[in-house]
Amino acid sequence: AVCRMCEREGRRHKDCGGILCTVSAENTMAKKSAHRLICIIVN
């Protein structure tokens, strides 16, 4: 529902591009994505 609302708002505000992703605790490979989320903590 948040994604749908953001898509509507994004059409209204052309410069409002961004990224929304989800992270699940469940280890499932049911959905494949061309994108990868890499988190790194550095000094």
Full PDB file with SEQRES, HELIX, SHEET, SSBOND, CRYST1, ORIGX, SCALE, CONECT and MASTER records, all heavy atoms in Angstrom:
SEQRES   1 A   43  ALA VAL CYS ARG MET CYS GLU ARG GLU GLY ARG ARG HIS          
SEQRES   2 A   43  LYS ASP CYS GLY GLY ILE LEU CYS THR VAL SER ALA GLU          
SEQRES   3 A   43  ASN THR MET ALA LYS LYS SER ALA HIS ARG LEU ILE CYS          
SEQRES   4 A   43  ILE ILE VAL ASN                                              
HELIX    1 AA1 VAL A    2  ARG A   12  1                                  11    
CRYST1    1.000    1.000    1.000  90.00  90.00  90.00 P 1           1          
ORIGX1      1.000000  0.000000  0.000000        0.00000                         
ORIGX2      0.000000  1.000000  0.000000        0.00000                         
ORIGX3      0.000000  0.000000  1.000000        0.00000                         
SCALE1      1.000000  0.000000  0.000000        0.00000                         
SCALE2      0.000000  1.000000  0.000000        0.00000                         
SCALE3      0.000000  0.000000  1.000000        0.00000                         
ATOM      1  N   ALA A   1       0.832  -1.205   0.000  1.00  0.00           N  
ATOM      2  CA  ALA A   1       0.000   0.000   0.000  1.00  0.00           C  
ATOM      3  C   ALA A   1       0.867   1.256   0.000  1.00  0.00           C  
ATOM      4  O   ALA A   1       0.568   2.233  -0.697  1.00  0.00           O  
ATOM      5  CB  ALA A   1      -0.939  -0.007   1.207  1.00  0.00           C  
ATOM      6  N   VAL A   2       1.959   1.236   0.762  1.00  0.00           N  
ATOM      7  CA  VAL A   2       2.897   2.368   0.774  1.00  0.00           C  
ATOM      8  C   VAL A   2       3.496   2.539  -0.622  1.00  0.00           C  
ATOM      9  O   VAL A   2       3.596   3.657  -1.131  1.00  0.00           O  
ATOM     10  CB  VAL A   2       4.013   2.157   1.823  1.00  0.00           C  
ATOM     11  CG1 VAL A   2       5.140   3.162   1.638  1.00  0.00           C  
ATOM     12  CG2 VAL A   2       3.444   2.249   3.228  1.00  0.00           C  
ATOM     13  N   CYS A   3       3.875   1.444  -1.264  1.00  0.00           N  
ATOM     14  CA  CYS A   3       4.439   1.513  -2.625  1.00  0.00           C  
ATOM     15  C   CYS A   3       3.448   2.159  -3.588  1.00  0.00           C  
ATOM     16  O   CYS A   3       3.831   3.026  -4.377  1.00  0.00           O  
ATOM     17  CB  CYS A   3       4.812   0.121  -3.118  1.00  0.00           C  
ATOM     18  SG  CYS A   3       6.269  -0.568  -2.346  1.00  0.00           S  
ATOM     19  N   ARG A   4       2.176   1.749  -3.524  1.00  0.00           N  
ATOM     20  CA  ARG A   4       1.161   2.328  -4.417  1.00  0.00           C  
ATOM     21  C   ARG A   4       0.997   3.825  -4.157  1.00  0.00           C  
ATOM     22  O   ARG A   4       0.923   4.625  -5.092  1.00  0.00           O  
ATOM     23  CB  ARG A   4      -0.170   1.603  -4.261  1.00  0.00           C  
ATOM     24  CG  ARG A   4      -0.183   0.219  -4.903  1.00  0.00           C  
ATOM     25  CD  ARG A   4      -1.573  -0.360  -4.959  1.00  0.00           C  
ATOM     26  NE  ARG A   4      -2.187  -0.511  -3.655  1.00  0.00           N  
ATOM     27  CZ  ARG A   4      -2.024  -1.553  -2.845  1.00  0.00           C  
ATOM     28  NH1 ARG A   4      -1.247  -2.549  -3.222  1.00  0.00           N  
ATOM     29  NH2 ARG A   4      -2.645  -1.610  -1.681  1.00  0.00           N  
ATOM     30  N   MET A   5       0.962   4.210  -2.871  1.00  0.00           N  
ATOM     31  CA  MET A   5       0.822   5.623  -2.539  1.00  0.00           C  
ATOM     32  C   MET A   5       2.033   6.416  -3.011  1.00  0.00           C  
ATOM     33  O   MET A   5       1.902   7.525  -3.538  1.00  0.00           O  
ATOM     34  CB  MET A   5       0.619   5.796  -1.025  1.00  0.00           C  
ATOM     35  CG  MET A   5      -0.728   5.303  -0.548  1.00  0.00           C  
ATOM     36  SD  MET A   5      -0.889   5.384   1.237  1.00  0.00           S  
ATOM     37  CE  MET A   5      -1.256   7.111   1.458  1.00  0.00           C  
ATOM     38  N   CYS A   6       3.219   5.837  -2.866  1.00  0.00           N  
ATOM     39  CA  CYS A   6       4.446   6.525  -3.298  1.00  0.00           C  
ATOM     40  C   CYS A   6       4.491   6.667  -4.814  1.00  0.00           C  
ATOM     41  O   CYS A   6       4.955   7.683  -5.323  1.00  0.00           O  
ATOM     42  CB  CYS A   6       5.664   5.781  -2.785  1.00  0.00           C  
ATOM     43  SG  CYS A   6       5.858   5.934  -1.002  1.00  0.00           S  
ATOM     44  N   GLU A   7       4.020   5.660  -5.531  1.00  0.00           N  
ATOM     45  CA  GLU A   7       3.972   5.762  -6.987  1.00  0.00           C  
ATOM     46  C   GLU A   7       3.055   6.906  -7.417  1.00  0.00           C  
ATOM     47  O   GLU A   7       3.394   7.668  -8.326  1.00  0.00           O  
ATOM     48  CB  GLU A   7       3.501   4.441  -7.600  1.00  0.00           C  
ATOM     49  CG  GLU A   7       4.559   3.360  -7.575  1.00  0.00           C  
ATOM     50  CD  GLU A   7       4.031   2.018  -8.026  1.00  0.00           C  
ATOM     51  OE1 GLU A   7       2.874   1.929  -8.527  1.00  0.00           O  
ATOM     52  OE2 GLU A   7       4.767   1.026  -7.879  1.00  0.00           O  
ATOM     53  N   ARG A   8       1.894   7.030  -6.755  1.00  0.00           N  
ATOM     54  CA  ARG A   8       0.979   8.140  -7.078  1.00  0.00           C  
ATOM     55  C   ARG A   8       1.642   9.485  -6.804  1.00  0.00           C  
ATOM     56  O   ARG A   8       1.586  10.402  -7.612  1.00  0.00           O  
ATOM     57  CB  ARG A   8      -0.313   8.010  -6.275  1.00  0.00           C  
ATOM     58  CG  ARG A   8      -1.247   6.942  -6.792  1.00  0.00           C  
ATOM     59  CD  ARG A   8      -2.632   7.074  -6.197  1.00  0.00           C  
ATOM     60  NE  ARG A   8      -2.656   7.000  -4.751  1.00  0.00           N  
ATOM     61  CZ  ARG A   8      -2.820   5.881  -4.036  1.00  0.00           C  
ATOM     62  NH1 ARG A   8      -2.937   4.729  -4.666  1.00  0.00           N  
ATOM     63  NH2 ARG A   8      -2.842   5.908  -2.731  1.00  0.00           N  
ATOM     64  N   GLU A   9       2.291   9.604  -5.641  1.00  0.00           N  
ATOM     65  CA  GLU A   9       2.964  10.855  -5.293  1.00  0.00           C  
ATOM     66  C   GLU A   9       4.129  11.131  -6.242  1.00  0.00           C  
ATOM     67  O   GLU A   9       4.386  12.263  -6.603  1.00  0.00           O  
ATOM     68  CB  GLU A   9       3.458  10.826  -3.847  1.00  0.00           C  
ATOM     69  CG  GLU A   9       2.353  10.882  -2.807  1.00  0.00           C  
ATOM     70  CD  GLU A   9       1.510  12.144  -2.894  1.00  0.00           C  
ATOM     71  OE1 GLU A   9       2.035  13.222  -3.237  1.00  0.00           O  
ATOM     72  OE2 GLU A   9       0.304  12.050  -2.604  1.00  0.00           O  
ATOM     73  N   GLY A  10       4.837  10.080  -6.638  1.00  0.00           N  
ATOM     74  CA  GLY A  10       5.955  10.233  -7.559  1.00  0.00           C  
ATOM     75  C   GLY A  10       5.521  10.774  -8.911  1.00  0.00           C  
ATOM     76  O   GLY A  10       6.243  11.532  -9.551  1.00  0.00           O  
ATOM     77  N   ARG A  11       4.318  10.392  -9.352  1.00  0.00           N  
ATOM     78  CA  ARG A  11       3.799  10.935 -10.612  1.00  0.00           C  
ATOM     79  C   ARG A  11       3.455  12.416 -10.462  1.00  0.00           C  
ATOM     80  O   ARG A  11       3.573  13.181 -11.404  1.00  0.00           O  
ATOM     81  CB  ARG A  11       2.581  10.137 -11.074  1.00  0.00           C  
ATOM     82  CG  ARG A  11       2.953   8.769 -11.638  1.00  0.00           C  
ATOM     83  CD  ARG A  11       1.786   8.101 -12.333  1.00  0.00           C  
ATOM     84  NE  ARG A  11       0.691   7.740 -11.442  1.00  0.00           N  
ATOM     85  CZ  ARG A  11       0.608   6.598 -10.765  1.00  0.00           C  
ATOM     86  NH1 ARG A  11       1.579   5.708 -10.880  1.00  0.00           N  
ATOM     87  NH2 ARG A  11      -0.405   6.344  -9.989  1.00  0.00           N  
ATOM     88  N   ARG A  12       3.034  12.821  -9.265  1.00  0.00           N  
ATOM     89  CA  ARG A  12       2.695  14.227  -9.017  1.00  0.00           C  
ATOM     90  C   ARG A  12       3.937  15.094  -8.878  1.00  0.00           C  
ATOM     91  O   ARG A  12       3.924  16.262  -9.214  1.00  0.00           O  
ATOM     92  CB  ARG A  12       1.851  14.343  -7.738  1.00  0.00           C  
ATOM     93  CG  ARG A  12       0.447  13.802  -7.916  1.00  0.00           C  
ATOM     94  CD  ARG A  12      -0.386  13.912  -6.656  1.00  0.00           C  
ATOM     95  NE  ARG A  12      -0.393  15.255  -6.134  1.00  0.00           N  
ATOM     96  CZ  ARG A  12      -0.383  15.542  -4.832  1.00  0.00           C  
ATOM     97  NH1 ARG A  12      -0.371  14.588  -3.939  1.00  0.00           N  
ATOM     98  NH2 ARG A  12      -0.397  16.782  -4.426  1.00  0.00           N  
ATOM     99  N   HIS A  13       5.021  14.538  -8.332  1.00  0.00           N  
ATOM    100  CA  HIS A  13       6.264  15.267  -8.086  1.00  0.00           C  
ATOM    101  C   HIS A  13       7.369  14.586  -8.902  1.00  0.00           C  
ATOM    102  O   HIS A  13       7.992  13.642  -8.443  1.00  0.00           O  
ATOM    103  CB  HIS A  13       6.626  15.234  -6.592  1.00  0.00           C  
ATOM    104  CG  HIS A  13       5.539  15.743  -5.712  1.00  0.00           C  
ATOM    105  ND1 HIS A  13       5.326  17.075  -5.500  1.00  0.00           N  
ATOM    106  CD2 HIS A  13       4.586  15.092  -4.991  1.00  0.00           C  
ATOM    107  CE1 HIS A  13       4.301  17.240  -4.679  1.00  0.00           C  
ATOM    108  NE2 HIS A  13       3.839  16.042  -4.364  1.00  0.00           N  
ATOM    109  N   LYS A  14       7.612  15.077 -10.086  1.00  0.00           N  
ATOM    110  CA  LYS A  14       8.521  14.411 -11.032  1.00  0.00           C  
ATOM    111  C   LYS A  14       9.944  14.239 -10.516  1.00  0.00           C  
ATOM    112  O   LYS A  14      10.649  13.329 -10.928  1.00  0.00           O  
ATOM    113  CB  LYS A  14       8.541  15.170 -12.365  1.00  0.00           C  
ATOM    114  CG  LYS A  14       7.191  15.203 -13.059  1.00  0.00           C  
ATOM    115  CD  LYS A  14       6.734  13.824 -13.426  1.00  0.00           C  
ATOM    116  CE  LYS A  14       5.393  13.893 -14.143  1.00  0.00           C  
ATOM    117  NZ  LYS A  14       4.738  12.632 -14.248  1.00  0.00           N  
ATOM    118  N   ASP A  15      10.388  15.095  -9.605  1.00  0.00           N  
ATOM    119  CA  ASP A  15      11.759  14.989  -9.088  1.00  0.00           C  
ATOM    120  C   ASP A  15      11.837  14.154  -7.818  1.00  0.00           C  
ATOM    121  O   ASP A  15      12.844  14.128  -7.142  1.00  0.00           O  
ATOM    122  CB  ASP A  15      12.356  16.374  -8.841  1.00  0.00           C  
ATOM    123  CG  ASP A  15      11.597  17.153  -7.775  1.00  0.00           C  
ATOM    124  OD1 ASP A  15      10.413  16.836  -7.536  1.00  0.00           O  
ATOM    125  OD2 ASP A  15      12.187  18.071  -7.199  1.00  0.00           O  
ATOM    126  N   CYS A  16      10.772  13.445  -7.508  1.00  0.00           N  
ATOM    127  CA  CYS A  16      10.715  12.664  -6.262  1.00  0.00           C  
ATOM    128  C   CYS A  16      11.039  11.199  -6.538  1.00  0.00           C  
ATOM    129  O   CYS A  16      10.273  10.312  -6.230  1.00  0.00           O  
ATOM    130  CB  CYS A  16       9.337  12.799  -5.612  1.00  0.00           C  
ATOM    131  SG  CYS A  16       9.250  12.027  -3.985  1.00  0.00           S  
ATOM    132  N   GLY A  17      12.193  10.940  -7.129  1.00  0.00           N  
ATOM    133  CA  GLY A  17      12.613   9.568  -7.369  1.00  0.00           C  
ATOM    134  C   GLY A  17      13.320   9.008  -6.146  1.00  0.00           C  
ATOM    135  O   GLY A  17      13.894   9.754  -5.361  1.00  0.00           O  
ATOM    136  N   GLY A  18      13.241   7.737  -5.961  1.00  0.00           N  
ATOM    137  CA  GLY A  18      13.919   7.116  -4.833  1.00  0.00           C  
ATOM    138  C   GLY A  18      13.917   5.614  -4.964  1.00  0.00           C  
ATOM    139  O   GLY A  18      13.578   5.071  -6.013  1.00  0.00           O  
ATOM    140  N   ILE A  19      14.273   4.965  -3.889  1.00  0.00           N  
ATOM    141  CA  ILE A  19      14.360   3.503  -3.856  1.00  0.00           C  
ATOM    142  C   ILE A  19      13.599   3.018  -2.638  1.00  0.00           C  
ATOM    143  O   ILE A  19      13.722   3.588  -1.550  1.00  0.00           O  
ATOM    144  CB  ILE A  19      15.831   3.053  -3.748  1.00  0.00           C  
ATOM    145  CG1 ILE A  19      16.621   3.525  -4.960  1.00  0.00           C  
ATOM    146  CG2 ILE A  19      15.926   1.546  -3.575  1.00  0.00           C  
ATOM    147  CD1 ILE A  19      18.118   3.391  -4.805  1.00  0.00           C  
ATOM    148  N   LEU A  20      12.813   1.970  -2.808  1.00  0.00           N  
ATOM    149  CA  LEU A  20      12.136   1.327  -1.686  1.00  0.00           C  
ATOM    150  C   LEU A  20      12.382  -0.164  -1.819  1.00  0.00           C  
ATOM    151  O   LEU A  20      12.110  -0.752  -2.856  1.00  0.00           O  
ATOM    152  CB  LEU A  20      10.633   1.625  -1.693  1.00  0.00           C  
ATOM    153  CG  LEU A  20       9.796   0.955  -0.601  1.00  0.00           C  
ATOM    154  CD1 LEU A  20      10.183   1.498   0.771  1.00  0.00           C  
ATOM    155  CD2 LEU A  20       8.316   1.176  -0.834  1.00  0.00           C  
ATOM    156  N   CYS A  21      12.966  -0.771  -0.779  1.00  0.00           N  
ATOM    157  CA  CYS A  21      13.207  -2.206  -0.818  1.00  0.00           C  
ATOM    158  C   CYS A  21      12.779  -2.810   0.512  1.00  0.00           C  
ATOM    159  O   CYS A  21      12.602  -2.107   1.500  1.00  0.00           O  
ATOM    160  CB  CYS A  21      14.669  -2.510  -1.106  1.00  0.00           C  
ATOM    161  SG  CYS A  21      15.793  -2.005   0.209  1.00  0.00           S  
ATOM    162  N   THR A  22      12.591  -4.115   0.508  1.00  0.00           N  
ATOM    163  CA  THR A  22      12.244  -4.819   1.735  1.00  0.00           C  
ATOM    164  C   THR A  22      13.275  -5.894   2.022  1.00  0.00           C  
ATOM    165  O   THR A  22      13.895  -6.444   1.105  1.00  0.00           O  
ATOM    166  CB  THR A  22      10.844  -5.473   1.649  1.00  0.00           C  
ATOM    167  OG1 THR A  22      10.823  -6.384   0.550  1.00  0.00           O  
ATOM    168  CG2 THR A  22       9.764  -4.431   1.475  1.00  0.00           C  
ATOM    169  N   VAL A  23      13.440  -6.166   3.286  1.00  0.00           N  
ATOM    170  CA  VAL A  23      14.359  -7.207   3.734  1.00  0.00           C  
ATOM    171  C   VAL A  23      13.560  -8.150   4.619  1.00  0.00           C  
ATOM    172  O   VAL A  23      12.898  -7.719   5.567  1.00  0.00           O  
ATOM    173  CB  VAL A  23      15.540  -6.601   4.534  1.00  0.00           C  
ATOM    174  CG1 VAL A  23      16.474  -7.692   5.012  1.00  0.00           C  
ATOM    175  CG2 VAL A  23      16.277  -5.569   3.696  1.00  0.00           C  
ATOM    176  N   SER A  24      13.597  -9.420   4.301  1.00  0.00           N  
ATOM    177  CA  SER A  24      12.849 -10.416   5.047  1.00  0.00           C  
ATOM    178  C   SER A  24      13.795 -11.255   5.892  1.00  0.00           C  
ATOM    179  O   SER A  24      14.922 -11.526   5.483  1.00  0.00           O  
ATOM    180  CB  SER A  24      12.084 -11.327   4.085  1.00  0.00           C  
ATOM    181  OG  SER A  24      11.438 -12.355   4.794  1.00  0.00           O  
ATOM    182  N   ALA A  25      13.327 -11.665   7.053  1.00  0.00           N  
ATOM    183  CA  ALA A  25      14.120 -12.552   7.900  1.00  0.00           C  
ATOM    184  C   ALA A  25      14.073 -13.973   7.361  1.00  0.00           C  
ATOM    185  O   ALA A  25      14.920 -14.797   7.667  1.00  0.00           O  
ATOM    186  CB  ALA A  25      13.610 -12.511   9.331  1.00  0.00           C  
ATOM    187  N   GLU A  26      13.070 -14.257   6.532  1.00  0.00           N  
ATOM    188  CA  GLU A  26      12.899 -15.583   5.963  1.00  0.00           C  
ATOM    189  C   GLU A  26      13.839 -15.770   4.783  1.00  0.00           C  
ATOM    190  O   GLU A  26      13.965 -14.889   3.931  1.00  0.00           O  
ATOM    191  CB  GLU A  26      11.450 -15.732   5.497  1.00  0.00           C  
ATOM    192  CG  GLU A  26      11.116 -17.099   4.969  1.00  0.00           C  
ATOM    193  CD  GLU A  26       9.663 -17.168   4.569  1.00  0.00           C  
ATOM    194  OE1 GLU A  26       8.817 -16.838   5.401  1.00  0.00           O  
ATOM    195  OE2 GLU A  26       9.395 -17.542   3.414  1.00  0.00           O  
ATOM    196  N   ASN A  27      14.512 -16.882   4.711  1.00  0.00           N  
ATOM    197  CA  ASN A  27      15.447 -17.158   3.615  1.00  0.00           C  
ATOM    198  C   ASN A  27      14.675 -17.807   2.473  1.00  0.00           C  
ATOM    199  O   ASN A  27      14.491 -19.009   2.447  1.00  0.00           O  
ATOM    200  CB  ASN A  27      16.577 -18.067   4.095  1.00  0.00           C  
ATOM    201  CG  ASN A  27      17.628 -18.240   3.028  1.00  0.00           C  
ATOM    202  OD1 ASN A  27      17.621 -17.559   2.017  1.00  0.00           O  
ATOM    203  ND2 ASN A  27      18.535 -19.171   3.261  1.00  0.00           N  
ATOM    204  N   THR A  28      14.215 -16.987   1.527  1.00  0.00           N  
ATOM    205  CA  THR A  28      13.461 -17.515   0.398  1.00  0.00           C  
ATOM    206  C   THR A  28      14.032 -16.968  -0.899  1.00  0.00           C  
ATOM    207  O   THR A  28      14.419 -15.814  -0.977  1.00  0.00           O  
ATOM    208  CB  THR A  28      11.958 -17.179   0.516  1.00  0.00           C  
ATOM    209  OG1 THR A  28      11.309 -17.666  -0.658  1.00  0.00           O  
ATOM    210  CG2 THR A  28      11.719 -15.696   0.647  1.00  0.00           C  
ATOM    211  N   MET A  29      14.070 -17.781  -1.903  1.00  0.00           N  
ATOM    212  CA  MET A  29      14.562 -17.366  -3.206  1.00  0.00           C  
ATOM    213  C   MET A  29      13.423 -17.345  -4.219  1.00  0.00           C  
ATOM    214  O   MET A  29      13.633 -17.445  -5.408  1.00  0.00           O  
ATOM    215  CB  MET A  29      15.678 -18.314  -3.674  1.00  0.00           C  
ATOM    216  CG  MET A  29      16.906 -18.305  -2.778  1.00  0.00           C  
ATOM    217  SD  MET A  29      17.674 -16.687  -2.655  1.00  0.00           S  
ATOM    218  CE  MET A  29      18.502 -16.586  -4.203  1.00  0.00           C  
ATOM    219  N   ALA A  30      12.170 -17.236  -3.746  1.00  0.00           N  
ATOM    220  CA  ALA A  30      11.011 -17.272  -4.628  1.00  0.00           C  
ATOM    221  C   ALA A  30      11.024 -16.117  -5.621  1.00  0.00           C  
ATOM    222  O   ALA A  30      10.668 -16.288  -6.779  1.00  0.00           O  
ATOM    223  CB  ALA A  30       9.729 -17.255  -3.806  1.00  0.00           C  
ATOM    224  N   LYS A  31      11.401 -14.949  -5.185  1.00  0.00           N  
ATOM    225  CA  LYS A  31      11.436 -13.787  -6.070  1.00  0.00           C  
ATOM    226  C   LYS A  31      12.890 -13.443  -6.374  1.00  0.00           C  
ATOM    227  O   LYS A  31      13.695 -13.298  -5.484  1.00  0.00           O  
ATOM    228  CB  LYS A  31      10.752 -12.586  -5.419  1.00  0.00           C  
ATOM    229  CG  LYS A  31       9.264 -12.727  -5.304  1.00  0.00           C  
ATOM    230  CD  LYS A  31       8.668 -11.448  -4.752  1.00  0.00           C  
ATOM    231  CE  LYS A  31       7.177 -11.564  -4.618  1.00  0.00           C  
ATOM    232  NZ  LYS A  31       6.579 -10.355  -4.062  1.00  0.00           N  
ATOM    233  N   LYS A  32      13.177 -13.296  -7.635  1.00  0.00           N  
ATOM    234  CA  LYS A  32      14.522 -12.899  -8.059  1.00  0.00           C  
ATOM    235  C   LYS A  32      14.482 -11.433  -8.444  1.00  0.00           C  
ATOM    236  O   LYS A  32      13.496 -10.944  -8.958  1.00  0.00           O  
ATOM    237  CB  LYS A  32      14.976 -13.741  -9.236  1.00  0.00           C  
ATOM    238  CG  LYS A  32      15.072 -15.214  -8.912  1.00  0.00           C  
ATOM    239  CD  LYS A  32      16.464 -15.657  -9.018  1.00  0.00           C  
ATOM    240  CE  LYS A  32      16.521 -17.133  -8.662  1.00  0.00           C  
ATOM    241  NZ  LYS A  32      17.811 -17.565  -8.418  1.00  0.00           N  
ATOM    242  N   SER A  33      15.554 -10.737  -8.210  1.00  0.00           N  
ATOM    243  CA  SER A  33      15.659  -9.326  -8.555  1.00  0.00           C  
ATOM    244  C   SER A  33      16.984  -9.080  -9.251  1.00  0.00           C  
ATOM    245  O   SER A  33      17.982  -9.739  -8.961  1.00  0.00           O  
ATOM    246  CB  SER A  33      15.573  -8.466  -7.296  1.00  0.00           C  
ATOM    247  OG  SER A  33      15.826  -7.119  -7.602  1.00  0.00           O  
ATOM    248  N   ALA A  34      16.967  -8.122 -10.152  1.00  0.00           N  
ATOM    249  CA  ALA A  34      18.210  -7.745 -10.835  1.00  0.00           C  
ATOM    250  C   ALA A  34      19.068  -6.868  -9.936  1.00  0.00           C  
ATOM    251  O   ALA A  34      20.213  -6.590 -10.260  1.00  0.00           O  
ATOM    252  CB  ALA A  34      17.876  -7.002 -12.125  1.00  0.00           C  
ATOM    253  N   HIS A  35      18.529  -6.442  -8.810  1.00  0.00           N  
ATOM    254  CA  HIS A  35      19.242  -5.538  -7.907  1.00  0.00           C  
ATOM    255  C   HIS A  35      19.715  -6.274  -6.660  1.00  0.00           C  
ATOM    256  O   HIS A  35      19.107  -7.236  -6.232  1.00  0.00           O  
ATOM    257  CB  HIS A  35      18.339  -4.375  -7.497  1.00  0.00           C  
ATOM    258  CG  HIS A  35      17.771  -3.649  -8.669  1.00  0.00           C  
ATOM    259  ND1 HIS A  35      18.521  -2.827  -9.471  1.00  0.00           N  
ATOM    260  CD2 HIS A  35      16.527  -3.652  -9.195  1.00  0.00           C  
ATOM    261  CE1 HIS A  35      17.767  -2.342 -10.430  1.00  0.00           C  
ATOM    262  NE2 HIS A  35      16.542  -2.832 -10.289  1.00  0.00           N  
ATOM    263  N   ARG A  36      20.780  -5.769  -6.075  1.00  0.00           N  
ATOM    264  CA  ARG A  36      21.321  -6.330  -4.841  1.00  0.00           C  
ATOM    265  C   ARG A  36      21.496  -5.205  -3.842  1.00  0.00           C  
ATOM    266  O   ARG A  36      21.910  -4.101  -4.191  1.00  0.00           O  
ATOM    267  CB  ARG A  36      22.685  -6.979  -5.082  1.00  0.00           C  
ATOM    268  CG  ARG A  36      22.647  -8.132  -6.040  1.00  0.00           C  
ATOM    269  CD  ARG A  36      22.062  -9.372  -5.359  1.00  0.00           C  
ATOM    270  NE  ARG A  36      22.105 -10.506  -6.239  1.00  0.00           N  
ATOM    271  CZ  ARG A  36      21.028 -11.066  -6.757  1.00  0.00           C  
ATOM    272  NH1 ARG A  36      19.841 -10.599  -6.497  1.00  0.00           N  
ATOM    273  NH2 ARG A  36      21.128 -12.103  -7.550  1.00  0.00           N  
ATOM    274  N   LEU A  37      21.180  -5.484  -2.599  1.00  0.00           N  
ATOM    275  CA  LEU A  37      21.386  -4.536  -1.507  1.00  0.00           C  
ATOM    276  C   LEU A  37      22.639  -4.958  -0.774  1.00  0.00           C  
ATOM    277  O   LEU A  37      22.732  -6.088  -0.279  1.00  0.00           O  
ATOM    278  CB  LEU A  37      20.189  -4.527  -0.549  1.00  0.00           C  
ATOM    279  CG  LEU A  37      20.361  -3.723   0.734  1.00  0.00           C  
ATOM    280  CD1 LEU A  37      20.485  -2.238   0.405  1.00  0.00           C  
ATOM    281  CD2 LEU A  37      19.186  -3.956   1.663  1.00  0.00           C  
ATOM    282  N   ILE A  38      23.620  -4.086  -0.737  1.00  0.00           N  
ATOM    283  CA  ILE A  38      24.867  -4.354  -0.031  1.00  0.00           C  
ATOM    284  C   ILE A  38      25.019  -3.283   1.043  1.00  0.00           C  
ATOM    285  O   ILE A  38      25.007  -2.090   0.730  1.00  0.00           O  
ATOM    286  CB  ILE A  38      26.080  -4.334  -0.977  1.00  0.00           C  
ATOM    287  CG1 ILE A  38      25.911  -5.388  -2.081  1.00  0.00           C  
ATOM    288  CG2 ILE A  38      27.375  -4.550  -0.199  1.00  0.00           C  
ATOM    289  CD1 ILE A  38      26.959  -5.299  -3.171  1.00  0.00           C  
ATOM    290  N   CYS A  39      25.126  -3.690   2.283  1.00  0.00           N  
ATOM    291  CA  CYS A  39      25.310  -2.753   3.396  1.00  0.00           C  
ATOM    292  C   CYS A  39      26.706  -2.952   3.968  1.00  0.00           C  
ATOM    293  O   CYS A  39      27.100  -4.080   4.267  1.00  0.00           O  
ATOM    294  CB  CYS A  39      24.277  -3.000   4.489  1.00  0.00           C  
ATOM    295  SG  CYS A  39      22.587  -2.760   3.939  1.00  0.00           S  
ATOM    296  N   ILE A  40      27.429  -1.864   4.091  1.00  0.00           N  
ATOM    297  CA  ILE A  40      28.795  -1.913   4.607  1.00  0.00           C  
ATOM    298  C   ILE A  40      28.936  -0.863   5.694  1.00  0.00           C  
ATOM    299  O   ILE A  40      28.517   0.278   5.515  1.00  0.00           O  
ATOM    300  CB  ILE A  40      29.825  -1.646   3.487  1.00  0.00           C  
ATOM    301  CG1 ILE A  40      29.672  -2.683   2.370  1.00  0.00           C  
ATOM    302  CG2 ILE A  40      31.237  -1.631   4.027  1.00  0.00           C  
ATOM    303  CD1 ILE A  40      30.499  -2.376   1.144  1.00  0.00           C  
ATOM    304  N   ILE A  41      29.534  -1.228   6.789  1.00  0.00           N  
ATOM    305  CA  ILE A  41      29.808  -0.278   7.868  1.00  0.00           C  
ATOM    306  C   ILE A  41      31.307  -0.020   7.882  1.00  0.00           C  
ATOM    307  O   ILE A  41      32.106  -0.957   7.971  1.00  0.00           O  
ATOM    308  CB  ILE A  41      29.344  -0.833   9.227  1.00  0.00           C  
ATOM    309  CG1 ILE A  41      27.835  -1.082   9.197  1.00  0.00           C  
ATOM    310  CG2 ILE A  41      29.730   0.131  10.351  1.00  0.00           C  
ATOM    311  CD1 ILE A  41      27.298  -1.809  10.407  1.00  0.00           C  
ATOM    312  N   VAL A  42      31.669   1.261   7.743  1.00  0.00           N  
ATOM    313  CA  VAL A  42      33.083   1.640   7.722  1.00  0.00           C  
ATOM    314  C   VAL A  42      33.307   2.830   8.643  1.00  0.00           C  
ATOM    315  O   VAL A  42      32.368   3.526   9.019  1.00  0.00           O  
ATOM    316  CB  VAL A  42      33.570   1.986   6.295  1.00  0.00           C  
ATOM    317  CG1 VAL A  42      33.465   0.780   5.380  1.00  0.00           C  
ATOM    318  CG2 VAL A  42      32.825   3.159   5.715  1.00  0.00           C  
ATOM    319  N   ASN A  43      34.547   3.048   8.990  1.00  0.00           N  
ATOM    320  CA  ASN A  43      34.888   4.218   9.798  1.00  0.00           C  
ATOM    321  C   ASN A  43      34.573   5.490   9.024  1.00  0.00           C  
ATOM    322  O   ASN A  43      34.628   5.512   7.783  1.00  0.00           O  
ATOM    323  CB  ASN A  43      36.367   4.204  10.180  1.00  0.00           C  
ATOM    324  CG  ASN A  43      36.683   3.120  11.186  1.00  0.00           C  
ATOM    325  OD1 ASN A  43      35.816   2.705  11.943  1.00  0.00           O  
ATOM    326  ND2 ASN A  43      37.924   2.666  11.181  1.00  0.00           N  
TER     327      ASN A  43                                                      
MASTER        0    0    0    1    0    0    0    6  326    1    0    4          
END                                                                             
